[in-house]
Amino acid sequence: DEAARAVGRAEAALSKADEAVLGRMEEQRRRHRERYAYSHVRTTLQPLFLMVCCPIVILYANAALRASDPLDFAEVWALRPPVRLRMLGAMCLFTALQAVLVSVLPARVFKGPLSDAGERQSYRLNGVPAFLLTHGVFAAGAWAGWWSGGVFVDALPELLGTMCLFVAVFCGVLYALGRLYPTCSECEPTGNPVFDYFWGVELYPRMFGVPLKQLINCRVGMMLWGLIVLSSAWKQHEVFGGVSSGMLTMTALQLLYIFKFYCWEGGYFTSMDICHDKMGYYICWGCLCWVPGFYTLASYYAALRPSHLSPLLSLAFFVAGLVFLWINYDADRQRQWVRENNGECNVWGSPARIIRAKYVTDDGKVHANVLLYSGWWGVARHFHYVPEVLLSVCWCAPALALVPMAYPAYLSLLLWERLLRDDARCFVKYGEYWHEYSKHVPYLVLPLIY
């Protein structure tokens, strides 16, 4: 009896300790939200600055790449990307076709993580067949002479000019629909129209039953990236009668990276883009303008500037890229595998070392998640970003020019901002459990460095 009472007292003490921890976590979340809500620089001035400057930057950069003198503003202005109604129609058709592929291709249904409201979203995972079908049809049509293989390179200026204007209008529609006819429970306007337009109102909007984030982020933005890369190699062949070794390396690595993305599509639906960032100008412009206009920089630049590498150097870039690609994929797969098995599995031949972290959703319910601190996730808390940056170097460096290296530089800054934001968000979400996790994995990016 005395032992039973001791066990009961211990369980009660643990329960009170958990309640105290969860209470402190909820207080941290409340303070974080209040601090964020009243930062006018971050919620008004910064969004306005980005919405004005970002389109100017991408449109100027595209015109400058086509100009004989990038500093000749008169020539650059004459080459400014135009807005074309036919391009708008073509992009609407392309988007509609991708929506059809999401809906009709055979798929495995994936349940996303719990949202702050305590709900899970469902996604149809058929990105691999959609990728193969889309690129296969494009290549077959170009081979048969139905269209020029370099069509995406030729049409990129029109695409960027048209989509910059389209996104501005489309996000206004998203804002209005989110305020008047929301399609998900995660719909919390802040009352600041500028920030709500920029950041979005709904977290998981749908249109005709299709998740808009999956459609815009994965099936339009990422698919355009692959098509423009393939078209760049085709354009070089049309102009010069062959494809340089540098272009072959760049094309192969980028297409493999995008293919890997679709193999890991379910993991992407647990990322910050999907689970935290709402659907507004920030995501829409990034996926429909920045990805096709800037992520394709190396291939677009090299389409009319062949770079010839020695076979050994080409092989070195390709093999190194494959190694970094595998590490990046294996790290993401490792974490997903451990969570799918609730931590009851092996990592690198040993039982996974985990923390079962509790957190509270907005409906007041307590949930638990698995924080892995072995395998790749024992090296550093965001080590998987390192091979991603190094991989981008492997597909940009073969251009043998400084301009394409702007992409790895940008990616480093993007992932740096993201890892800081993600680390802060995880601390707010998991509180002392994240503090404990940080003791096991003290470095953010690289062991013994940072």
Foldseek 3Di string as FASTA:
>chain_A
DVVVVVVVVVVVVVVVVVVVQQVVLVVLLVVVVVVVLPPCCVQPVVLVVCLVVVLVVLQLVLLLLVDPHSPPVVSSVVSGQAADPVLVVVLVVQLVVLQVCQVPPQFDWFWEDQALQRGTDIGGQDLLVLLCVVVVVLVVCCVVVVDPLLVCLVCVSNQQRNLSVVQLVVLVVQLVCLVPPAPDPQFDDSPDVSNCQRQHGHLFGDDPNHTVCCSQQQRRLLSLLLSNLSSLQSLLCVVPVHGALLSVLLNVLSSVLSSLCSVCVSLVCHDCSRRPGGDHSNSNCCRRHVSNRQVNFQSSSCSNPHFHDDPVLSVVLNVLLVVLSVLLSVVSVVQVVCFVVVQQDDAPRHRWDWDFFWFHRPVGDIDTGIDTCDHPCVFAVPQSLVSVLVSQCSSRCSSVDDVSVVVSVVSVVVVVVVLVVVLVVVCSGRPVSSVVSCVSHVHHHGPPPD
